[in-house]
Amino acid sequence: MKPTILLALIAGTALASPAFAQDQTVPTEDTQTPSWSGSDIVVTGVRDSYAAPKTSAATRTDTPLIQVPQSVQVLTKTLIQEQDRRTLGDALVNVSGVTPTRVDEVLFIPPIVRGFPAEVYLDGLSVFAGNQQAYDPNSLVGIERIDVLKGPTATLYGGGIGTPLGGVINLESVRPNDKAGGYVAMRAGSFSTWNPFGDITVPLSDGIAARITGEYQGNDSWIDKVKARRWSVQPSLSFRIDPATDLLVQGQFSRRSNLEYSGLPADAALAGTIRRDAFPGSPIDQPFTTNDIRMGQATLRHAFSDRLKLTVSGRYYSSVIDEQGSFVYPGLFPTGTVAPRYDVFPITMRNRTKEATVDANLAGDVDLLGGGAQAARRGKLRLDQLLQRDGSVRQR
């Protein structure tokens, strides 16, 4: 009896073992396969664009361009970088109705918008009567975007040189962020052009970040004897005081020097008796025009709520301009001469400017005269009902 019982137990164990192994190795429908990651991976990308859907320069509030009753054109940082625009005059060729000023020509000539002078603003504040050349934003490396407001803008920007008729050209600077990074680059080209530049951002601590942009350029010109040298350094420091308040401190230190060119005498140029690339002055005796700028700015932003925000900006601006030029007085050479001779008159203008500006802006979002989000939703609903009733309107 005992051997028989032992054999039966052995046989039963042998038959049960495969079933037990099968239960351990083959998962059932309710068993989940282990994953190498405990959470989903989300990849976020930002698409650079030439278009800007909103502007804060036209109405002093963040407003969609389609809702601004004024002609506004925005040049984004992507457009400026991909076209390799180095000066404000180079970038403004993209704007219709604007005649930019060349930095190697007469100093005190602002850009022309729709036939009238326009003012140049930096981060919503004017700089030395808004004159582009007197301010001379040497570098576009530290510029995030350029908003061009065409037509009268004196309601929001006062009655300076260009705002009553021409308009405003507002340059918006880059702001430090909480991500470390940047670049250093070198650009070289014709006319002995050398142009190193860079942009570096460094987070210092939680809520504090620093950024510095800089550029140097030395170049000759297609105009004989004309040369230019310029450099610019723009440091900035941002403080996140609390979730509703931040402070931005900015600075700019720049210098430009170039041999100023006043143009050719029209009669000789049209007659072809003078080279188109000639410098009609005395490059040996004429000193370079220099423009030195020192500027500091602080901007405080505070949101009392989602519908009420305060912005206070203050700037100190100092410039030293020594303009050294010459111009040709036409019509003084003898008639019939093969090589015309002109009298060259020198011009010297020295300017010392110190300017302090404070601007406070309180913006509130209120429902007035049936406006607001609810009225907008009701208007959209009525439009959708109209389109449903009239198929021809929907097709158009």
Protein backbone atom coordinates (compact mmCIF):
# COMPACT_ATOMS: atom_id res chain seq x y z
CA MET A 1 0.00 0.00 0.00
CA LYS A 2 2.74 2.48 0.80
CA PRO A 3 4.57 2.14 -2.56
CA THR A 4 1.29 2.58 -4.35
CA ILE A 5 0.46 5.77 -2.41
CA LEU A 6 3.98 7.15 -3.05
CA LEU A 7 3.73 6.56 -6.79
CA ALA A 8 0.34 8.23 -6.89
CA LEU A 9 1.70 11.31 -5.12
CA ILE A 10 4.67 11.54 -7.49
CA ALA A 11 2.40 11.21 -10.53
CA GLY A 12 0.05 13.89 -9.21
CA THR A 13 2.90 16.29 -8.55
CA ALA A 14 4.31 15.75 -12.07
CA LEU A 15 0.93 16.46 -13.65
CA ALA A 16 0.38 19.62 -11.56
CA SER A 17 3.83 21.17 -12.11
CA PRO A 18 3.36 22.16 -15.81
CA ALA A 19 0.06 23.79 -14.98
CA PHE A 20 1.67 25.79 -12.16
CA ALA A 21 4.56 26.86 -14.42
CA GLN A 22 2.11 27.87 -17.12
CA ASP A 23 0.23 30.05 -14.69
CA GLN A 24 3.47 31.84 -13.76
CA THR A 25 4.84 32.50 -17.28
CA VAL A 26 1.79 33.19 -19.47
CA PRO A 27 -0.04 36.43 -18.52
CA THR A 28 -3.78 36.52 -18.49
CA GLU A 29 -5.87 39.24 -20.09
CA ASP A 30 -5.97 41.20 -16.83
CA THR A 31 -2.17 41.25 -16.44
CA GLN A 32 -0.44 44.54 -17.59
CA THR A 33 3.00 44.39 -19.16
CA PRO A 34 5.53 46.43 -17.12
CA SER A 35 6.63 49.72 -18.78
CA TRP A 36 10.10 51.29 -18.70
CA SER A 37 8.58 54.73 -17.96
CA GLY A 38 6.16 55.64 -15.24
CA SER A 39 4.67 58.72 -17.02
CA ASP A 40 4.00 60.08 -20.49
CA ILE A 41 6.65 62.11 -22.32
CA VAL A 42 5.40 65.47 -23.61
CA VAL A 43 7.50 67.29 -26.23
CA THR A 44 6.71 71.01 -26.58
CA GLY A 45 8.01 73.11 -29.46
CA VAL A 46 7.73 76.78 -30.40
CA ARG A 47 7.32 77.65 -34.05
CA ASP A 48 9.11 80.83 -35.07
CA SER A 49 7.05 83.08 -37.29
CA TYR A 50 7.31 86.28 -39.27
CA ALA A 51 3.82 87.29 -38.12
CA ALA A 52 2.85 88.73 -34.74
CA PRO A 53 -0.84 88.36 -33.84
CA LYS A 54 -0.79 91.00 -31.08
CA THR A 55 0.76 94.36 -30.29
CA SER A 56 1.13 96.31 -27.07
CA ALA A 57 2.52 99.46 -28.70
CA ALA A 58 -0.58 100.61 -30.61
CA THR A 59 -3.00 100.82 -27.68
CA ARG A 60 -0.66 100.41 -24.66
CA THR A 61 -2.47 97.13 -24.03
CA ASP A 62 -1.94 93.62 -25.38
CA THR A 63 -4.42 93.82 -28.25
CA PRO A 64 -4.86 91.62 -31.35
CA LEU A 65 -3.77 93.47 -34.47
CA ILE A 66 -7.09 92.79 -36.16
CA GLN A 67 -8.80 94.87 -33.45
CA VAL A 68 -6.48 97.90 -33.76
CA PRO A 69 -8.04 100.68 -35.90
CA GLN A 70 -4.64 101.77 -37.22
CA SER A 71 -2.09 100.58 -39.73
CA VAL A 72 0.50 98.66 -37.68
CA GLN A 73 3.33 96.52 -39.04
CA VAL A 74 5.47 94.31 -36.81
CA LEU A 75 8.97 93.04 -37.55
CA THR A 76 9.62 89.94 -35.44
CA LYS A 77 12.97 88.74 -34.13
CA THR A 78 12.79 85.76 -36.49
CA LEU A 79 12.52 88.05 -39.51
CA ILE A 80 15.36 90.28 -38.29
CA GLN A 81 17.68 87.34 -37.67
CA GLU A 82 16.93 85.38 -40.83
CA GLN A 83 17.37 88.47 -43.00
CA ASP A 84 20.54 89.33 -41.02
CA ARG A 85 19.47 92.91 -40.40
CA ARG A 86 22.13 94.75 -38.39
CA THR A 87 20.71 98.28 -38.04
CA LEU A 88 17.29 99.85 -37.70
CA GLY A 89 17.54 101.32 -41.18
CA ASP A 90 18.21 97.86 -42.64
CA ALA A 91 15.18 96.38 -40.88
CA LEU A 92 12.77 99.17 -41.87
CA VAL A 93 13.08 98.35 -45.58
CA ASN A 94 10.49 95.63 -44.87
CA VAL A 95 7.85 98.20 -43.93
CA SER A 96 5.72 99.79 -46.62
CA GLY A 97 5.50 103.57 -46.67
CA VAL A 98 8.73 104.02 -44.66
CA THR A 99 11.92 105.70 -45.86
CA PRO A 100 14.68 104.68 -43.43
CA THR A 101 17.81 106.69 -42.67
CA ARG A 102 21.28 105.42 -43.44
CA VAL A 103 23.70 105.58 -40.52
CA ASP A 104 26.57 106.72 -42.76
CA GLU A 105 24.73 109.81 -44.00
CA VAL A 106 23.49 113.03 -42.39
CA LEU A 107 23.01 112.62 -38.64
CA PHE A 108 19.85 114.51 -37.65
CA ILE A 109 17.38 113.07 -40.13
CA PRO A 110 14.64 110.83 -38.67
CA PRO A 111 12.98 108.05 -40.68
CA ILE A 112 10.06 109.12 -42.85
CA VAL A 113 6.67 107.40 -42.54
CA ARG A 114 4.05 108.29 -45.16
CA GLY A 115 5.98 111.43 -46.06
CA PHE A 116 6.34 112.78 -42.49
CA PRO A 117 9.04 112.35 -39.81
CA ALA A 118 8.48 109.56 -37.32
CA GLU A 119 9.74 109.15 -33.78
CA VAL A 120 11.77 106.24 -32.47
CA TYR A 121 10.81 104.80 -29.07
CA LEU A 122 12.54 102.14 -26.99
CA ASP A 123 10.29 99.95 -24.82
CA GLY A 124 7.51 102.54 -24.97
CA LEU A 125 9.64 105.55 -23.94
CA SER A 126 11.04 108.27 -26.16
CA VAL A 127 14.76 108.90 -26.52
CA PHE A 128 16.02 112.40 -27.31
CA ALA A 129 12.96 113.66 -29.16
CA GLY A 130 12.63 110.25 -30.79
CA ASN A 131 15.35 110.93 -33.37
CA GLN A 132 16.68 107.68 -34.77
CA GLN A 133 20.15 108.93 -35.54
CA ALA A 134 20.63 110.87 -32.32
CA TYR A 135 19.58 107.81 -30.33
CA ASP A 136 21.22 105.43 -32.78
CA PRO A 137 20.20 101.93 -31.67
CA ASN A 138 23.56 100.54 -32.70
CA SER A 139 22.64 96.90 -32.37
CA LEU A 140 19.55 94.86 -33.13
CA VAL A 141 20.98 91.85 -31.29
CA GLY A 142 19.10 92.83 -28.13
CA ILE A 143 15.83 93.71 -29.90
CA GLU A 144 12.87 91.33 -29.66
CA ARG A 145 10.56 93.08 -32.17
CA ILE A 146 9.90 96.38 -33.93
CA ASP A 147 6.38 97.85 -34.07
CA VAL A 148 5.76 100.53 -36.70
CA LEU A 149 2.65 102.63 -36.05
CA LYS A 150 1.71 104.57 -39.16
CA GLY A 151 -0.17 107.83 -38.92
CA PRO A 152 -1.04 110.12 -36.00
CA THR A 153 -0.26 108.63 -32.59
CA ALA A 154 -0.10 111.74 -30.40
CA THR A 155 -3.01 110.56 -28.22
CA LEU A 156 -0.85 107.93 -26.53
CA TYR A 157 2.65 109.21 -27.29
CA GLY A 158 2.38 112.99 -26.95
CA GLY A 159 3.13 115.73 -29.45
CA GLY A 160 6.79 115.25 -30.31
CA ILE A 161 8.50 115.67 -33.66
CA GLY A 162 6.88 112.78 -35.48
CA THR A 163 3.86 111.51 -33.54
CA PRO A 164 1.32 114.11 -34.73
CA LEU A 165 1.55 113.01 -38.37
CA GLY A 166 4.27 110.47 -39.17
CA GLY A 167 3.93 107.86 -36.46
CA VAL A 168 6.03 105.89 -33.99
CA ILE A 169 8.68 103.20 -34.42
CA ASN A 170 8.88 101.27 -31.15
CA LEU A 171 11.73 98.86 -30.44
CA GLU A 172 11.10 96.20 -27.78
CA SER A 173 14.14 94.80 -25.98
CA VAL A 174 14.65 91.17 -25.07
CA ARG A 175 14.03 90.19 -21.43
CA PRO A 176 16.02 87.72 -19.31
CA ASN A 177 14.40 84.36 -18.67
CA ASP A 178 14.93 81.43 -16.32
CA LYS A 179 16.71 79.24 -18.90
CA ALA A 180 20.48 79.43 -19.25
CA GLY A 181 21.76 79.70 -22.79
CA GLY A 182 22.89 82.00 -25.53
CA TYR A 183 25.28 82.20 -28.44
CA VAL A 184 28.42 83.93 -29.69
CA ALA A 185 28.80 84.49 -33.43
CA MET A 186 31.07 86.13 -35.97
CA ARG A 187 29.97 87.79 -39.19
CA ALA A 188 32.35 88.93 -41.93
CA GLY A 189 31.85 90.23 -45.44
CA SER A 190 32.76 92.69 -48.12
CA PHE A 191 34.22 96.14 -47.49
CA SER A 192 36.41 94.70 -44.69
CA THR A 193 33.42 94.02 -42.48
CA TRP A 194 34.07 92.30 -39.13
CA ASN A 195 31.14 91.83 -36.80
CA PRO A 196 31.32 89.68 -33.65
CA PHE A 197 28.15 89.60 -31.54
CA GLY A 198 26.50 87.53 -28.83
CA ASP A 199 23.56 87.05 -26.45
CA ILE A 200 23.91 85.19 -23.12
CA THR A 201 21.30 84.52 -20.40
CA VAL A 202 22.23 83.27 -16.91
CA PRO A 203 19.70 82.48 -14.12
CA LEU A 204 21.26 83.71 -10.85
CA SER A 205 18.72 82.27 -8.42
CA ASP A 206 15.03 81.49 -8.14
CA GLY A 207 13.26 84.46 -9.72
CA ILE A 208 16.43 86.38 -10.66
CA ALA A 209 18.05 86.22 -14.11
CA ALA A 210 20.68 88.24 -15.97
CA ARG A 211 21.15 88.79 -19.68
CA ILE A 212 23.80 90.57 -21.71
CA THR A 213 23.88 91.25 -25.42
CA GLY A 214 26.73 92.90 -27.27
CA GLU A 215 28.03 93.65 -30.72
CA TYR A 216 31.02 95.24 -32.44
CA GLN A 217 31.32 96.10 -36.10
CA GLY A 218 34.06 97.69 -38.16
CA ASN A 219 33.58 98.23 -41.87
CA ASP A 220 34.48 100.30 -44.87
CA SER A 221 31.93 101.43 -47.46
CA TRP A 222 31.31 101.43 -51.18
CA ILE A 223 31.77 105.17 -50.88
CA ASP A 224 35.44 106.08 -51.17
CA LYS A 225 37.21 106.89 -47.87
CA VAL A 226 34.10 106.28 -45.75
CA LYS A 227 34.63 104.04 -42.71
CA ALA A 228 32.62 103.25 -39.60
CA ARG A 229 33.18 101.66 -36.21
CA ARG A 230 30.49 100.92 -33.65
CA TRP A 231 29.95 98.84 -30.53
CA SER A 232 27.09 98.30 -28.13
CA VAL A 233 26.63 96.45 -24.81
CA GLN A 234 23.16 95.98 -23.27
CA PRO A 235 22.98 94.29 -19.85
CA SER A 236 19.66 93.53 -18.13
CA LEU A 237 18.55 92.03 -14.83
CA SER A 238 15.07 90.75 -13.99
CA PHE A 239 13.53 90.12 -10.56
CA ARG A 240 10.39 88.07 -9.97
CA ILE A 241 9.23 89.64 -6.71
CA ASP A 242 6.03 87.58 -6.46
CA PRO A 243 3.68 85.88 -8.92
CA ALA A 244 1.99 89.22 -9.68
CA THR A 245 5.01 91.58 -9.60
CA ASP A 246 8.28 91.76 -11.52
CA LEU A 247 11.06 94.32 -11.93
CA LEU A 248 13.33 94.72 -14.97
CA VAL A 249 16.54 96.79 -14.87
CA GLN A 250 18.22 97.54 -18.22
CA GLY A 251 21.27 99.42 -19.39
CA GLN A 252 22.90 100.41 -22.66
CA PHE A 253 26.42 101.58 -23.40
CA SER A 254 27.26 102.28 -27.02
CA ARG A 255 29.51 104.29 -29.29
CA ARG A 256 29.44 104.97 -33.01
CA SER A 257 32.06 106.75 -35.09
CA ASN A 258 32.07 107.21 -38.85
CA LEU A 259 33.15 109.56 -41.59
CA GLU A 260 29.98 111.44 -42.40
CA TYR A 261 28.90 111.55 -46.04
CA SER A 262 26.71 114.38 -47.30
CA GLY A 263 26.16 113.25 -50.90
CA LEU A 264 27.34 114.26 -54.36
CA PRO A 265 26.61 117.57 -56.13
CA ALA A 266 23.58 116.91 -58.30
CA ASP A 267 24.77 118.67 -61.47
CA ALA A 268 28.07 116.77 -61.69
CA ALA A 269 26.44 113.47 -60.76
CA LEU A 270 23.79 113.82 -63.47
CA ALA A 271 26.36 114.94 -66.03
CA GLY A 272 28.59 111.96 -65.24
CA THR A 273 31.67 114.10 -64.61
CA ILE A 274 32.22 112.69 -61.12
CA ARG A 275 32.48 109.12 -59.90
CA ARG A 276 29.37 107.85 -58.12
CA ASP A 277 31.52 106.45 -55.30
CA ALA A 278 33.54 109.64 -54.77
CA PHE A 279 33.72 111.36 -51.40
CA PRO A 280 33.22 115.09 -52.15
CA GLY A 281 35.09 116.35 -49.12
CA SER A 282 38.41 116.15 -47.36
CA PRO A 283 38.73 112.79 -45.60
CA ILE A 284 42.10 113.82 -44.16
CA ASP A 285 40.93 117.03 -42.53
CA GLN A 286 37.37 115.95 -41.65
CA PRO A 287 37.17 114.24 -38.25
CA PHE A 288 34.85 111.35 -37.60
CA THR A 289 31.36 111.94 -36.26
CA THR A 290 30.99 110.28 -32.87
CA ASN A 291 27.93 109.39 -30.82
CA ASP A 292 28.32 108.09 -27.24
CA ILE A 293 25.25 106.91 -25.34
CA ARG A 294 24.72 105.85 -21.74
CA MET A 295 21.25 104.79 -20.69
CA GLY A 296 19.58 103.05 -17.74
CA GLN A 297 15.94 102.00 -17.32
CA ALA A 298 13.78 100.30 -14.70
CA THR A 299 10.31 98.85 -15.35
CA LEU A 300 7.96 97.64 -12.61
CA ARG A 301 4.88 95.61 -13.51
CA HIS A 302 2.16 94.59 -11.05
CA ALA A 303 -1.14 92.84 -11.66
CA PHE A 304 -3.78 93.71 -9.10
CA SER A 305 -6.06 91.18 -10.80
CA ASP A 306 -6.60 89.61 -14.20
CA ARG A 307 -8.33 92.81 -15.32
CA LEU A 308 -6.26 95.54 -13.65
CA LYS A 309 -2.52 95.96 -14.28
CA LEU A 310 -0.01 98.71 -13.49
CA THR A 311 3.24 99.47 -15.35
CA VAL A 312 5.72 102.11 -14.17
CA SER A 313 8.85 102.86 -16.21
CA GLY A 314 11.71 105.25 -15.60
CA ARG A 315 14.74 106.02 -17.75
CA TYR A 316 17.87 108.16 -17.57
CA TYR A 317 19.51 108.94 -20.91
CA SER A 318 22.80 110.70 -21.61
CA SER A 319 24.45 111.28 -24.97
CA VAL A 320 27.50 113.11 -26.28
CA ILE A 321 27.35 113.81 -30.01
CA ASP A 322 30.13 115.44 -32.00
CA GLU A 323 29.02 115.82 -35.61
CA GLN A 324 31.81 116.62 -38.05
CA GLY A 325 30.65 116.97 -41.63
CA SER A 326 31.14 118.84 -44.86
CA PHE A 327 28.96 119.77 -47.78
CA VAL A 328 29.58 120.97 -51.32
CA TYR A 329 28.03 124.20 -52.49
CA PRO A 330 27.19 123.67 -56.20
CA GLY A 331 27.38 126.17 -59.04
CA LEU A 332 30.72 127.77 -58.14
CA PHE A 333 32.96 126.10 -60.72
CA PRO A 334 33.74 127.78 -64.09
CA THR A 335 31.53 126.72 -66.99
CA GLY A 336 33.17 124.39 -69.48
CA THR A 337 35.83 122.98 -67.19
CA VAL A 338 36.67 119.33 -67.63
CA ALA A 339 37.14 118.59 -63.93
CA PRO A 340 34.64 120.60 -61.87
CA ARG A 341 35.83 122.26 -58.71
CA TYR A 342 33.65 123.02 -55.74
CA ASP A 343 33.96 124.89 -52.53
CA VAL A 344 33.67 122.51 -49.57
CA PHE A 345 32.20 123.98 -46.41
CA PRO A 346 32.84 122.24 -43.08
CA ILE A 347 30.14 121.86 -40.47
CA THR A 348 30.56 121.14 -36.78
CA MET A 349 27.77 120.53 -34.29
CA ARG A 350 28.26 119.41 -30.71
CA ASN A 351 25.37 118.26 -28.59
CA ARG A 352 25.21 117.20 -24.96
CA THR A 353 21.91 115.70 -23.82
CA LYS A 354 20.68 114.49 -20.44
CA GLU A 355 17.12 113.30 -20.22
CA ALA A 356 14.99 111.72 -17.50
CA THR A 357 11.62 110.14 -18.31
CA VAL A 358 8.96 108.57 -16.08
CA ASP A 359 5.83 106.89 -17.41
CA ALA A 360 3.01 105.28 -15.43
CA ASN A 361 0.31 103.25 -17.14
CA LEU A 362 -2.74 101.74 -15.41
CA ALA A 363 -4.74 99.43 -17.67
CA GLY A 364 -8.13 98.00 -16.78
CA ASP A 365 -10.49 95.69 -18.59
CA VAL A 366 -14.11 96.76 -18.08
CA ASP A 367 -17.47 96.00 -19.65
CA LEU A 368 -18.76 99.26 -21.09
CA LEU A 369 -21.64 100.03 -23.46
CA GLY A 370 -22.46 96.38 -24.02
CA GLY A 371 -18.85 95.31 -24.56
CA GLY A 372 -16.88 92.54 -22.89
CA ALA A 373 -16.59 88.80 -23.27
CA GLN A 374 -20.30 88.04 -22.85
CA ALA A 375 -21.28 90.53 -25.54
CA ALA A 376 -18.63 89.07 -27.84
CA ARG A 377 -20.01 85.57 -27.33
CA ARG A 378 -23.55 86.79 -28.01
CA GLY A 379 -22.39 88.50 -31.18
CA LYS A 380 -20.64 85.34 -32.38
CA LEU A 381 -23.74 83.28 -31.65
CA ARG A 382 -25.92 85.65 -33.67
CA LEU A 383 -23.44 85.54 -36.56
CA ASP A 384 -23.44 81.73 -36.53
CA GLN A 385 -27.26 81.71 -36.61
CA LEU A 386 -27.24 84.11 -39.55
CA LEU A 387 -24.79 81.95 -41.46
CA GLN A 388 -26.90 78.86 -40.82
CA ARG A 389 -30.04 80.55 -42.17
CA ASP A 390 -28.33 81.99 -45.24
CA GLY A 391 -26.11 79.48 -47.02
CA SER A 392 -25.02 82.03 -49.62
CA VAL A 393 -23.49 84.23 -46.90
CA ARG A 394 -21.60 81.25 -45.57
CA GLN A 395 -20.21 80.46 -49.02
CA ARG A 396 -19.03 84.03 -49.54
